[in-house]
Amino acid sequence: MDTNTPKPLAYSYRRFSHAKQNEAGSLKRQKDIAVGYCQKHNLQLVEDEQYTFLDRATSAFDGKNLDDKAELRRFHDLVEAGSIPEGSYLIVESLDRLSRQHPRQALPRFLDLLNAGINIVSVNDDKVYKAGKVDELDLIVSIMEMSRSHSESSNKSKRVGKAWRDKQEDARNERKPMGATRPAWLDPVYRDDDKDKLKRKPTHYVVNEAKKQIVKDIFQWTIDGYGREAIARRLNEAGIPSFKGKTWGGSSVAQILKSPTVLGIYQPYSGKGKERVKVGEPITGLYEPIIDERTFYEAQQATTERFITGAKKQSRGYNVWQRILRCTRCHAALNVYTKGAKQPPYLRCYEAGKGKCDARSIRLDRADEVFKELLTKVNSLALVQSDARSLQAQLNEVRGRMAEQQRARAETLDFLRTRPSSTLRAEVADADDEIARLEERELELEKALAADRITNKEDFFARLDLVSKEGRARANELLKRLGILVTAFKEADDSITYQVHKKELKILRIVDTGKTLQTVSYSTDVTMAMFDQGEIREDELEVNVGFNRRLKLKKKPETA
């Protein structure tokens, strides 16, 4: 043999479908096979990182290893671009590493490589498919191998699917545990005589109290006004690992908040991705609930409110005016800023900060006094009164349940458009009835809350918490739920005029002169609040109400 003749280049493609296969040494075995074959047949195995083709935990049954981000797809692209020369060898353990799809899908891609000048080696079969020289017998052999691989995977998929459906039915009918499928805050309990740790099945679950407390904290912090990113940061700063042993992220917090498993409910599904659909009614009693329903739906409502208002980030002190206060001139947000470490914080118009608005800055401590006054003129007793808090909690629960019903109704309508079904139509009708019932309850609770008024401002201020982040966030969320929006402007004489709107209608004007706060009502409700608080006499009730105007924003609000 002429030792100066360069060896033909060979490339190894390795793939495994599940992480456990790699734990069993699948990757090392496939690499050793490629190395041994090249040594035996005098081939040069290319091992540069750029030419290493490895698909981890990637299925060939559904063609995932040929997706845009898959390594086998990259090999095809390099062949097409000419980066991998003709006459090269692609070494695989067996043809099923390349594809387990039906031969109708697998064969064209197989032939594409051969027609592009790439030899394909299936080591386990001791078979080399030569580029451009595939005879009829080789073609038949390859088709038979592809058909066998596809059939095996198809049968396995059916067996796994049936086994999973059997587990779901056992869970539904007999309340049997579903093995490893369980919420992270539950620990499995096994029989003492179970020796095979890989195949043993749990007899029941017990609640992990430490993890349960983490879940309860996540729900309470959400109700207190913290966003999912802030909660994740708080857990990480406390050194609490996630349930997967890693750091917390906003998505892992959100997953816990929206999961009905905290209520002890398990909803079986079938399919994957967009094809994932519910199977039957939710199963109750399979898990022990660790969150009560009111807390769960309060948290759902708090999350919905944050999404609607866009309040996803909070400053450490928490700006009570967040997403509420805007510039009278340009309607841009007023954001907190400081001129220096020893200077008091101010509220500055976002556009003024860029030199596009002539609005002057407002001291935050003065603005906070106006905020307190504003609370006395709207329905805010829930912040200090236990019975009002209970009513507000019930209202939040009702709104959370309503949002859940509306989401479920929308999902069912989507399925109904493509899959006409009397069962689905009945589900939509049931959802409509439940939404109507919840709307009636919402109106009852709103009326009950509105029936109470603040009569003693000093007592209200004494019990009001605008010091802690939780208290400030709670007050901010309450005003946003009421639909309150305020515009402010600092006049030439340094007085500051606040125009208060509720659901776009002007209800109140507050003027901060620097020494006193002067109020003018544009709403019967506000006027009655002022009367109850002794700010106006009975003979002033009618003349105190001004003309009610609708607010029209000049442009889309900026992010606060």
Protein backbone atom coordinates (compact mmCIF):
# COMPACT_ATOMS: atom_id res chain seq x y z
CA MET A 1 0.00 0.00 0.00
CA ASP A 2 1.29 3.48 -0.86
CA THR A 3 1.63 5.23 2.51
CA ASN A 4 1.68 8.62 0.73
CA THR A 5 -1.87 8.18 -0.56
CA PRO A 6 -4.24 10.16 1.68
CA LYS A 7 -6.85 8.12 3.47
CA PRO A 8 -10.52 8.70 2.57
CA LEU A 9 -12.24 10.96 5.08
CA ALA A 10 -14.86 9.52 7.40
CA TYR A 11 -17.43 11.27 9.62
CA SER A 12 -19.32 9.77 12.52
CA TYR A 13 -22.96 10.55 13.19
CA ARG A 14 -24.17 9.65 16.67
CA ARG A 15 -27.67 9.94 18.13
CA PHE A 16 -29.66 8.75 21.09
CA SER A 17 -33.35 9.29 21.81
CA HIS A 18 -33.45 9.57 25.60
CA ALA A 19 -31.09 10.91 28.25
CA LYS A 20 -30.99 7.51 30.00
CA GLN A 21 -29.42 6.00 26.87
CA ASN A 22 -26.46 8.32 27.24
CA GLU A 23 -26.17 7.34 30.88
CA ALA A 24 -25.92 3.74 29.66
CA GLY A 25 -22.92 4.65 27.47
CA SER A 26 -24.65 5.01 24.09
CA LEU A 27 -22.41 7.86 22.91
CA LYS A 28 -19.16 6.16 23.90
CA ARG A 29 -20.24 2.90 22.27
CA GLN A 30 -21.12 4.62 18.99
CA LYS A 31 -17.82 6.52 18.97
CA ASP A 32 -15.79 3.38 19.69
CA ILE A 33 -17.55 1.62 16.80
CA ALA A 34 -16.63 4.44 14.39
CA VAL A 35 -12.99 4.51 15.56
CA GLY A 36 -12.65 0.74 15.26
CA TYR A 37 -14.19 0.66 11.79
CA CYS A 38 -11.85 3.41 10.50
CA GLN A 39 -8.78 1.65 11.87
CA LYS A 40 -9.83 -1.62 10.29
CA HIS A 41 -10.60 -0.12 6.85
CA ASN A 42 -7.84 2.51 6.68
CA LEU A 43 -10.12 5.56 6.87
CA GLN A 44 -9.28 8.95 8.39
CA LEU A 45 -11.92 9.76 11.03
CA VAL A 46 -12.46 13.52 11.16
CA GLU A 47 -12.78 14.51 14.81
CA ASP A 48 -12.60 18.32 14.62
CA GLU A 49 -15.35 19.93 16.71
CA GLN A 50 -16.82 21.57 13.60
CA TYR A 51 -17.26 18.13 12.02
CA THR A 52 -18.62 16.34 15.07
CA PHE A 53 -22.24 15.39 14.49
CA LEU A 54 -24.12 14.46 17.64
CA ASP A 55 -27.89 14.66 18.30
CA ARG A 56 -28.61 14.25 22.00
CA ALA A 57 -32.03 13.05 23.19
CA THR A 58 -33.42 13.47 19.67
CA SER A 59 -36.03 11.19 18.15
CA ALA A 60 -35.60 9.84 14.61
CA PHE A 61 -39.13 8.41 14.62
CA ASP A 62 -40.70 11.84 14.10
CA GLY A 63 -37.77 13.24 12.09
CA LYS A 64 -36.57 15.62 14.83
CA ASN A 65 -32.94 14.84 13.91
CA LEU A 66 -33.54 16.55 10.56
CA ASP A 67 -34.96 19.78 11.98
CA ASP A 68 -33.14 23.02 11.23
CA LYS A 69 -31.17 22.88 14.49
CA ALA A 70 -30.35 19.17 14.33
CA GLU A 71 -26.84 17.88 13.62
CA LEU A 72 -27.87 15.47 10.86
CA ARG A 73 -29.46 18.42 9.08
CA ARG A 74 -26.13 20.27 9.44
CA PHE A 75 -24.30 17.31 7.89
CA HIS A 76 -26.67 17.38 4.89
CA ASP A 77 -26.12 21.15 4.53
CA LEU A 78 -22.30 20.77 4.62
CA VAL A 79 -22.48 18.06 1.95
CA GLU A 80 -24.66 20.27 -0.22
CA ALA A 81 -22.27 23.21 0.27
CA GLY A 82 -19.27 21.07 -0.74
CA SER A 83 -17.58 21.42 2.67
CA ILE A 84 -17.62 17.63 2.97
CA PRO A 85 -15.99 16.22 -0.19
CA GLU A 86 -17.37 13.51 -2.45
CA GLY A 87 -16.05 10.03 -1.66
CA SER A 88 -16.28 10.65 2.11
CA TYR A 89 -17.84 8.08 4.43
CA LEU A 90 -20.66 8.64 6.92
CA ILE A 91 -20.39 6.03 9.69
CA VAL A 92 -23.41 5.09 11.80
CA GLU A 93 -23.98 2.27 14.22
CA SER A 94 -26.99 1.19 12.14
CA LEU A 95 -29.36 2.79 9.65
CA ASP A 96 -31.94 3.46 12.37
CA ARG A 97 -29.58 6.12 13.77
CA LEU A 98 -30.28 8.12 10.59
CA SER A 99 -34.03 7.64 10.56
CA ARG A 100 -36.88 5.65 12.03
CA GLN A 101 -39.46 7.31 9.84
CA HIS A 102 -41.53 5.44 7.27
CA PRO A 103 -39.41 4.48 4.20
CA ARG A 104 -41.42 7.02 2.18
CA GLN A 105 -39.76 9.80 4.23
CA ALA A 106 -36.45 8.07 5.06
CA LEU A 107 -35.47 6.71 1.63
CA PRO A 108 -35.27 10.03 -0.29
CA ARG A 109 -32.86 11.52 2.28
CA PHE A 110 -30.78 8.33 2.24
CA LEU A 111 -30.53 8.49 -1.56
CA ASP A 112 -29.74 12.23 -1.44
CA LEU A 113 -26.50 11.48 0.43
CA LEU A 114 -25.54 8.65 -1.92
CA ASN A 115 -26.26 10.79 -4.99
CA ALA A 116 -24.12 13.58 -3.49
CA GLY A 117 -21.13 11.21 -3.39
CA ILE A 118 -21.27 10.16 0.28
CA ASN A 119 -20.72 6.48 1.19
CA ILE A 120 -22.90 5.30 4.09
CA VAL A 121 -21.60 2.66 6.48
CA SER A 122 -23.95 0.70 8.77
CA VAL A 123 -21.42 -0.97 11.08
CA ASN A 124 -23.72 -3.40 12.91
CA ASP A 125 -24.94 -4.76 9.55
CA ASP A 126 -21.40 -4.76 8.16
CA LYS A 127 -22.90 -3.02 5.15
CA VAL A 128 -21.44 -0.25 2.97
CA TYR A 129 -23.77 1.60 0.63
CA LYS A 130 -21.49 2.99 -2.08
CA ALA A 131 -22.10 6.43 -3.54
CA GLY A 132 -23.65 6.29 -7.02
CA LYS A 133 -23.50 2.49 -7.09
CA VAL A 134 -26.60 1.39 -5.22
CA ASP A 135 -27.84 -1.73 -6.94
CA GLU A 136 -31.35 -3.11 -6.65
CA LEU A 137 -30.42 -5.64 -3.95
CA ASP A 138 -28.80 -2.99 -1.72
CA LEU A 139 -31.79 -0.74 -2.23
CA ILE A 140 -34.16 -3.53 -1.19
CA VAL A 141 -32.03 -4.27 1.89
CA SER A 142 -32.03 -0.60 2.93
CA ILE A 143 -35.81 -0.33 2.47
CA MET A 144 -36.36 -3.48 4.54
CA GLU A 145 -34.11 -2.11 7.29
CA MET A 146 -35.94 1.23 7.27
CA SER A 147 -39.29 -0.56 7.36
CA ARG A 148 -38.16 -2.71 10.31
CA SER A 149 -36.92 0.34 12.26
CA HIS A 150 -40.11 2.27 11.63
CA SER A 151 -42.28 -0.68 12.61
CA GLU A 152 -40.36 -1.19 15.87
CA SER A 153 -40.66 2.49 16.80
CA SER A 154 -44.32 2.61 15.83
CA ASN A 155 -45.16 -0.42 17.94
CA LYS A 156 -43.14 0.94 20.85
CA SER A 157 -44.95 4.26 20.60
CA LYS A 158 -48.29 2.47 20.73
CA ARG A 159 -47.20 0.36 23.71
CA VAL A 160 -45.93 3.40 25.60
CA GLY A 161 -49.12 5.30 24.76
CA LYS A 162 -51.30 2.45 25.98
CA ALA A 163 -49.24 2.05 29.15
CA TRP A 164 -49.58 5.78 29.82
CA ARG A 165 -53.35 5.68 29.22
CA ASP A 166 -53.61 2.68 31.57
CA LYS A 167 -51.76 4.68 34.25
CA GLN A 168 -54.18 7.58 33.76
CA GLU A 169 -57.19 5.28 34.10
CA ASP A 170 -55.72 3.68 37.24
CA ALA A 171 -55.20 7.15 38.67
CA ARG A 172 -58.77 8.15 37.76
CA ASN A 173 -60.58 5.02 38.89
CA GLU A 174 -58.41 3.64 41.68
CA ARG A 175 -56.41 6.74 42.72
CA LYS A 176 -53.18 4.85 42.07
CA PRO A 177 -49.92 6.88 42.02
CA MET A 178 -48.47 7.51 38.56
CA GLY A 179 -44.87 6.68 39.40
CA ALA A 180 -42.38 9.43 38.62
CA THR A 181 -45.16 11.70 37.32
CA ARG A 182 -45.94 13.83 40.36
CA PRO A 183 -45.63 17.43 41.58
CA ALA A 184 -42.15 18.33 42.81
CA TRP A 185 -43.37 18.94 46.39
CA LEU A 186 -44.44 15.32 46.80
CA ASP A 187 -42.09 12.51 47.83
CA PRO A 188 -42.85 8.91 46.73
CA VAL A 189 -43.14 6.14 49.32
CA TYR A 190 -42.15 2.58 48.33
CA ARG A 191 -42.62 -0.82 49.91
CA ASP A 192 -39.69 -1.96 52.03
CA ASP A 193 -39.47 -5.27 50.16
CA ASP A 194 -39.04 -3.58 46.75
CA LYS A 195 -35.46 -4.47 45.80
CA ASP A 196 -35.42 -3.41 42.14
CA LYS A 197 -35.06 0.37 42.46
CA LEU A 198 -35.44 0.95 38.71
CA LYS A 199 -38.79 -0.85 38.34
CA ARG A 200 -40.36 -0.29 41.75
CA LYS A 201 -43.58 1.71 41.94
CA PRO A 202 -44.66 4.04 44.76
CA THR A 203 -47.54 3.03 46.99
CA HIS A 204 -48.43 6.65 47.78
CA TYR A 205 -46.99 10.17 48.10
CA VAL A 206 -46.24 12.35 51.12
CA VAL A 207 -45.91 16.12 51.15
CA ASN A 208 -42.41 17.51 51.50
CA GLU A 209 -43.05 20.21 54.10
CA ALA A 210 -40.04 22.34 53.16
CA LYS A 211 -41.07 22.45 49.50
CA LYS A 212 -44.70 23.03 50.47
CA GLN A 213 -43.65 26.16 52.35
CA ILE A 214 -41.76 27.42 49.28
CA VAL A 215 -44.93 27.00 47.19
CA LYS A 216 -47.03 28.81 49.80
CA ASP A 217 -44.50 31.66 49.89
CA ILE A 218 -44.59 31.95 46.09
CA PHE A 219 -48.39 32.31 46.13
CA GLN A 220 -48.39 34.82 48.99
CA TRP A 221 -45.66 36.95 47.42
CA THR A 222 -47.63 36.99 44.18
CA ILE A 223 -50.72 38.25 46.01
CA ASP A 224 -48.54 40.83 47.77
CA GLY A 225 -47.57 42.31 44.41
CA TYR A 226 -44.28 40.60 43.54
CA GLY A 227 -43.76 39.54 39.93
CA ARG A 228 -42.41 36.12 39.00
CA GLU A 229 -38.89 37.45 38.25
CA ALA A 230 -38.80 39.28 41.59
CA ILE A 231 -39.91 36.10 43.37
CA ALA A 232 -37.24 34.06 41.60
CA ARG A 233 -34.62 36.61 42.60
CA ARG A 234 -35.83 36.55 46.19
CA LEU A 235 -35.55 32.75 46.36
CA ASN A 236 -32.09 32.79 44.78
CA GLU A 237 -30.86 35.49 47.16
CA ALA A 238 -32.05 33.35 50.08
CA GLY A 239 -29.99 30.45 48.71
CA ILE A 240 -33.04 28.23 48.16
CA PRO A 241 -32.47 25.81 45.25
CA SER A 242 -35.24 25.17 42.73
CA PHE A 243 -37.07 21.85 42.79
CA LYS A 244 -34.68 20.66 40.08
CA GLY A 245 -31.66 21.59 42.21
CA LYS A 246 -30.79 24.65 40.12
CA THR A 247 -31.42 28.38 40.42
CA TRP A 248 -34.94 29.76 40.16
CA GLY A 249 -36.21 31.51 37.05
CA GLY A 250 -39.42 33.37 36.25
CA SER A 251 -40.72 30.50 34.13
CA SER A 252 -40.37 27.95 36.96
CA VAL A 253 -42.25 30.30 39.31
CA ALA A 254 -44.99 30.83 36.70
CA GLN A 255 -45.33 27.07 36.19
CA ILE A 256 -46.05 26.57 39.89
CA LEU A 257 -48.54 29.44 40.01
CA LYS A 258 -50.67 28.17 37.13
CA SER A 259 -50.57 24.45 38.01
CA PRO A 260 -53.86 23.06 39.45
CA THR A 261 -51.84 20.28 41.09
CA VAL A 262 -51.38 22.61 44.10
CA LEU A 263 -55.13 22.12 44.59
CA GLY A 264 -54.71 18.34 44.43
CA ILE A 265 -55.99 18.20 40.84
CA TYR A 266 -54.41 16.27 37.98
CA GLN A 267 -55.55 16.84 34.38
CA PRO A 268 -54.52 14.03 31.98
CA TYR A 269 -53.44 15.05 28.46
CA SER A 270 -52.60 13.30 25.23
CA GLY A 271 -50.47 14.45 22.31
CA LYS A 272 -47.60 16.91 22.23
CA GLY A 273 -47.16 20.61 21.55
CA LYS A 274 -50.06 22.18 19.67
CA GLU A 275 -51.73 18.77 19.42
CA ARG A 276 -51.87 18.40 23.22
CA VAL A 277 -55.49 18.00 24.34
CA LYS A 278 -57.21 17.20 27.63
CA VAL A 279 -58.30 13.61 28.24
CA GLY A 280 -61.48 13.41 30.29
CA GLU A 281 -62.32 15.36 33.41
CA PRO A 282 -59.65 16.46 35.90
CA ILE A 283 -58.78 13.85 38.56
CA THR A 284 -59.22 15.02 42.16
CA GLY A 285 -57.90 13.33 45.26
CA LEU A 286 -54.79 11.93 43.59
CA TYR A 287 -52.55 14.44 45.38
CA GLU A 288 -52.92 16.21 48.71
CA PRO A 289 -53.77 19.91 48.12
CA ILE A 290 -51.24 22.34 49.54
CA ILE A 291 -52.95 25.63 48.55
CA ASP A 292 -56.58 26.55 49.25
CA GLU A 293 -58.79 27.63 46.34
CA ARG A 294 -59.13 31.27 47.39
CA THR A 295 -55.36 31.74 47.58
CA PHE A 296 -54.95 30.00 44.21
CA TYR A 297 -57.45 32.21 42.39
CA GLU A 298 -56.29 35.38 44.14
CA ALA A 299 -52.83 34.68 42.78
CA GLN A 300 -54.25 34.04 39.29
CA GLN A 301 -56.03 37.40 39.39
CA ALA A 302 -52.91 39.18 40.64
CA THR A 303 -50.91 37.62 37.80
CA THR A 304 -53.58 38.62 35.26
CA GLU A 305 -53.61 42.20 36.53
CA ARG A 306 -49.83 42.44 36.26
CA PHE A 307 -50.00 41.11 32.69
CA ILE A 308 -52.74 43.55 31.67
CA THR A 309 -51.02 46.58 33.18
CA GLY A 310 -47.56 45.46 32.08
CA ALA A 311 -46.14 45.93 35.59
CA LYS A 312 -43.43 43.28 35.35
CA LYS A 313 -40.53 45.09 37.01
CA GLN A 314 -40.45 46.79 40.37
CA SER A 315 -37.95 49.12 41.97
CA ARG A 316 -36.65 48.03 45.37
CA GLY A 317 -38.71 50.72 47.14
CA TYR A 318 -41.69 50.09 44.89
CA ASN A 319 -43.17 53.19 43.30
CA VAL A 320 -46.82 53.43 44.39
CA TRP A 321 -47.54 55.50 41.27
CA GLN A 322 -46.31 52.75 38.93
CA ARG A 323 -48.53 52.53 35.82
CA ILE A 324 -50.93 55.07 37.36
CA LEU A 325 -49.30 58.53 37.09
CA ARG A 326 -48.67 60.33 33.77
CA CYS A 327 -47.63 63.73 32.54
CA THR A 328 -50.53 66.14 31.88
CA ARG A 329 -48.63 67.68 28.95
CA CYS A 330 -47.65 64.59 26.92
CA HIS A 331 -49.17 61.65 28.86
CA ALA A 332 -45.78 59.92 29.15
CA ALA A 333 -45.06 57.97 32.34
CA LEU A 334 -43.56 59.69 35.37
CA ASN A 335 -40.60 57.63 36.56
CA VAL A 336 -38.61 57.76 39.80
CA TYR A 337 -35.09 59.17 39.60
CA THR A 338 -32.56 60.76 41.97
CA LYS A 339 -30.09 63.59 41.34
CA GLY A 340 -27.61 62.16 43.82
CA ALA A 341 -27.22 59.87 46.82
CA LYS A 342 -28.03 62.71 49.27
CA GLN A 343 -30.85 64.18 47.19
CA PRO A 344 -34.52 63.18 47.62
CA PRO A 345 -36.09 61.10 44.83
CA TYR A 346 -38.22 62.83 42.20
CA LEU A 347 -40.84 61.84 39.64
CA ARG A 348 -39.79 62.95 36.16
CA CYS A 349 -41.68 62.82 32.86
CA TYR A 350 -40.14 60.23 30.54
CA GLU A 351 -40.23 62.64 27.57
CA ALA A 352 -38.89 65.53 29.70
CA GLY A 353 -35.90 63.36 30.52
CA LYS A 354 -35.18 63.28 26.76
CA GLY A 355 -35.75 67.04 26.37
CA LYS A 356 -39.04 66.55 24.47
CA CYS A 357 -41.43 67.91 27.14
CA ASP A 358 -41.31 71.02 29.36
CA ALA A 359 -42.84 69.28 32.40
CA ARG A 360 -40.90 69.87 35.64
CA SER A 361 -39.99 67.18 38.16
CA ILE A 362 -42.13 66.48 41.25
CA ARG A 363 -40.75 65.46 44.63
CA LEU A 364 -41.76 61.89 45.38
CA ASP A 365 -42.49 62.49 49.09
CA ARG A 366 -45.02 65.22 48.17
CA ALA A 367 -46.56 62.99 45.50
CA ASP A 368 -46.93 60.19 48.07
CA GLU A 369 -49.01 62.54 50.27
CA VAL A 370 -51.32 63.09 47.31
CA PHE A 371 -51.47 59.32 46.81
CA LYS A 372 -52.69 58.88 50.40
CA GLU A 373 -55.33 61.55 49.89
CA LEU A 374 -56.44 59.87 46.68
CA LEU A 375 -56.96 56.59 48.56
CA THR A 376 -59.46 58.27 50.88
CA LYS A 377 -61.59 59.37 47.91
CA VAL A 378 -61.94 55.95 46.25
CA ASN A 379 -62.95 52.53 47.50
CA SER A 380 -59.74 51.52 49.34
CA LEU A 381 -60.97 50.23 52.70
CA ALA A 382 -59.75 46.78 51.68
CA LEU A 383 -56.23 48.01 52.47
CA VAL A 384 -56.95 48.45 56.20
CA GLN A 385 -60.24 46.80 57.10
CA SER A 386 -60.36 43.06 57.74
CA ASP A 387 -63.92 42.53 56.48
CA ALA A 388 -63.23 44.67 53.42
CA ARG A 389 -60.04 42.71 52.82
CA SER A 390 -62.08 39.54 52.96
CA LEU A 391 -64.52 40.96 50.41
CA GLN A 392 -61.62 42.03 48.21
CA ALA A 393 -60.06 38.58 48.51
CA GLN A 394 -63.36 37.01 47.48
CA LEU A 395 -63.61 39.43 44.57
CA ASN A 396 -60.09 38.55 43.42
CA GLU A 397 -60.96 34.86 43.69
CA VAL A 398 -64.10 35.33 41.58
CA ARG A 399 -62.17 37.26 38.95
CA GLY A 400 -59.47 34.60 38.90
CA ARG A 401 -62.08 31.87 38.40
CA MET A 402 -63.72 33.92 35.68
CA ALA A 403 -60.42 34.36 33.82
CA GLU A 404 -59.83 30.60 34.03
CA GLN A 405 -63.31 29.86 32.63
CA GLN A 406 -62.79 32.36 29.83
CA ARG A 407 -59.45 30.76 28.88
CA ALA A 408 -60.99 27.27 28.94
CA ARG A 409 -63.93 28.48 26.85
CA ALA A 410 -61.58 30.02 24.27
CA GLU A 411 -59.56 26.78 24.04
CA THR A 412 -62.72 24.71 23.57
CA LEU A 413 -63.98 27.07 20.86
CA ASP A 414 -60.67 26.66 19.01
CA PHE A 415 -61.09 22.86 19.02
CA LEU A 416 -64.75 23.20 18.06
CA ARG A 417 -63.82 25.08 14.88
CA THR A 418 -61.79 22.12 13.62
CA ARG A 419 -63.55 19.25 15.38
CA PRO A 420 -67.36 19.72 15.46
CA SER A 421 -68.66 17.89 18.52
CA SER A 422 -71.82 18.00 20.63
CA THR A 423 -69.67 17.36 23.72
CA LEU A 424 -67.52 20.41 23.00
CA ARG A 425 -70.60 22.54 22.38
CA ALA A 426 -71.97 21.44 25.74
CA GLU A 427 -68.66 22.43 27.39
CA VAL A 428 -68.91 25.92 25.85
CA ALA A 429 -72.49 26.27 27.11
CA ASP A 430 -71.45 25.17 30.63
CA ALA A 431 -68.60 27.69 30.57
CA ASP A 432 -71.00 30.45 29.49
CA ASP A 433 -73.33 29.61 32.40
CA GLU A 434 -70.45 29.59 34.89
CA ILE A 435 -69.09 32.92 33.59
CA ALA A 436 -72.56 34.48 33.92
CA ARG A 437 -72.82 33.20 37.51
CA LEU A 438 -69.38 34.59 38.36
CA GLU A 439 -70.24 37.96 36.81
CA GLU A 440 -73.30 38.20 39.08
CA ARG A 441 -71.16 37.35 42.11
CA GLU A 442 -68.57 39.92 41.01
CA LEU A 443 -71.27 42.61 40.91
CA GLU A 444 -72.54 41.62 44.38
CA LEU A 445 -69.04 41.87 45.89
CA GLU A 446 -68.34 45.19 44.17
CA LYS A 447 -71.57 46.60 45.64
CA ALA A 448 -70.67 45.26 49.09
CA LEU A 449 -67.28 46.94 48.91
CA ALA A 450 -68.77 50.20 47.65
CA ALA A 451 -71.22 50.26 50.57
CA ASP A 452 -68.40 51.10 52.98
CA ARG A 453 -66.78 54.53 53.01
CA ILE A 454 -63.80 56.02 54.80
CA THR A 455 -65.20 58.44 57.39
CA ASN A 456 -62.17 58.93 59.63
CA LYS A 457 -59.07 59.78 57.59
CA GLU A 458 -56.75 59.86 60.61
CA ASP A 459 -57.77 56.34 61.60
CA PHE A 460 -57.38 55.17 58.00
CA PHE A 461 -53.87 56.67 57.71
CA ALA A 462 -52.86 55.13 61.05
CA ARG A 463 -53.69 51.66 59.79
CA LEU A 464 -52.49 52.17 56.20
CA ASP A 465 -49.21 50.49 55.26
CA LEU A 466 -47.33 52.53 52.67
CA VAL A 467 -43.94 51.73 54.21
CA SER A 468 -43.35 48.08 53.32
CA LYS A 469 -42.93 46.99 49.74
CA GLU A 470 -45.86 44.61 50.15
CA GLY A 471 -48.14 47.38 51.43
CA ARG A 472 -47.16 49.81 48.67
CA ALA A 473 -47.62 47.13 46.02
CA ARG A 474 -51.05 46.23 47.42
CA ALA A 475 -52.22 49.86 47.26
CA ASN A 476 -50.88 50.24 43.72
CA GLU A 477 -52.62 47.06 42.55
CA LEU A 478 -55.91 48.15 44.13
CA LEU A 479 -55.97 51.47 42.23
CA LYS A 480 -55.12 49.72 38.98
CA ARG A 481 -57.99 47.30 39.50
CA LEU A 482 -60.29 50.26 40.00
CA GLY A 483 -59.14 51.71 36.69
CA ILE A 484 -57.53 54.80 38.24
CA LEU A 485 -55.26 56.93 36.04
CA VAL A 486 -53.77 60.25 37.18
CA THR A 487 -52.11 63.06 35.25
CA ALA A 488 -49.90 65.64 36.99
CA PHE A 489 -48.21 68.94 36.12
CA LYS A 490 -46.11 71.39 38.12
CA GLU A 491 -47.37 74.94 37.53
CA ALA A 492 -45.31 78.15 37.30
CA ASP A 493 -46.09 78.97 40.96
CA ASP A 494 -44.72 75.50 41.96
CA SER A 495 -48.16 74.16 42.82
CA ILE A 496 -48.88 70.72 41.37
CA THR A 497 -52.23 69.82 39.83
CA TYR A 498 -53.34 66.19 39.77
CA GLN A 499 -56.27 65.19 37.57
CA VAL A 500 -57.74 61.83 38.65
CA HIS A 501 -59.65 59.62 36.21
CA LYS A 502 -61.52 56.38 36.83
CA LYS A 503 -62.02 54.25 33.73
CA GLU A 504 -61.29 57.35 31.61
CA LEU A 505 -63.85 59.60 33.40
CA LYS A 506 -62.51 62.50 35.43
CA ILE A 507 -63.57 62.11 39.08
CA LEU A 508 -61.28 64.37 41.11
CA ARG A 509 -58.75 67.22 41.02
CA ILE A 510 -56.13 67.58 43.75
CA VAL A 511 -53.92 70.67 43.94
CA ASP A 512 -50.80 70.48 46.08
CA THR A 513 -49.88 74.08 47.01
CA GLY A 514 -46.85 72.96 48.99
CA LYS A 515 -48.68 73.61 52.27
CA THR A 516 -52.16 72.17 51.73
CA LEU A 517 -54.02 69.78 49.45
CA GLN A 518 -57.11 71.26 47.79
CA THR A 519 -59.68 68.87 46.25
CA VAL A 520 -62.49 69.38 43.75
CA SER A 521 -64.90 66.55 42.98
CA TYR A 522 -66.25 65.62 39.53
CA SER A 523 -68.08 62.52 40.77
CA THR A 524 -71.03 61.93 43.08
CA ASP A 525 -69.13 59.08 44.80
CA VAL A 526 -66.13 61.32 45.50
CA THR A 527 -68.40 64.11 46.72
CA MET A 528 -70.09 61.74 49.16
CA ALA A 529 -66.68 60.57 50.40
CA MET A 530 -65.70 64.21 51.03
CA PHE A 531 -69.00 64.76 52.88
CA ASP A 532 -68.47 61.65 55.05
CA GLN A 533 -64.98 62.89 55.90
CA GLY A 534 -66.28 66.33 56.95
CA GLU A 535 -64.64 68.24 54.11
CA ILE A 536 -67.87 69.72 52.75
CA ARG A 537 -71.26 70.60 54.25
CA GLU A 538 -74.58 69.16 53.19
CA ASP A 539 -75.54 72.41 51.43
CA GLU A 540 -72.36 72.13 49.33
CA LEU A 541 -73.08 68.63 47.99
CA GLU A 542 -74.51 69.76 44.65
CA VAL A 543 -72.25 72.71 43.86
CA ASN A 544 -69.08 70.70 44.58
CA VAL A 545 -69.58 68.34 41.65
CA GLY A 546 -67.95 69.70 38.49
CA PHE A 547 -68.29 68.72 34.84
CA ASN A 548 -67.36 65.06 34.19
CA ARG A 549 -64.91 64.71 31.26
CA ARG A 550 -63.50 61.67 29.54
CA LEU A 551 -59.72 61.26 29.39
CA LYS A 552 -58.14 60.68 25.99
CA LEU A 553 -54.47 59.72 25.97
CA LYS A 554 -52.43 61.62 23.41
CA LYS A 555 -50.25 58.63 22.64
CA LYS A 556 -49.42 55.12 23.74
CA PRO A 557 -48.11 55.20 27.35
CA GLU A 558 -44.39 54.66 27.83
CA THR A 559 -43.06 51.86 30.01
CA ALA A 560 -42.70 52.97 33.59
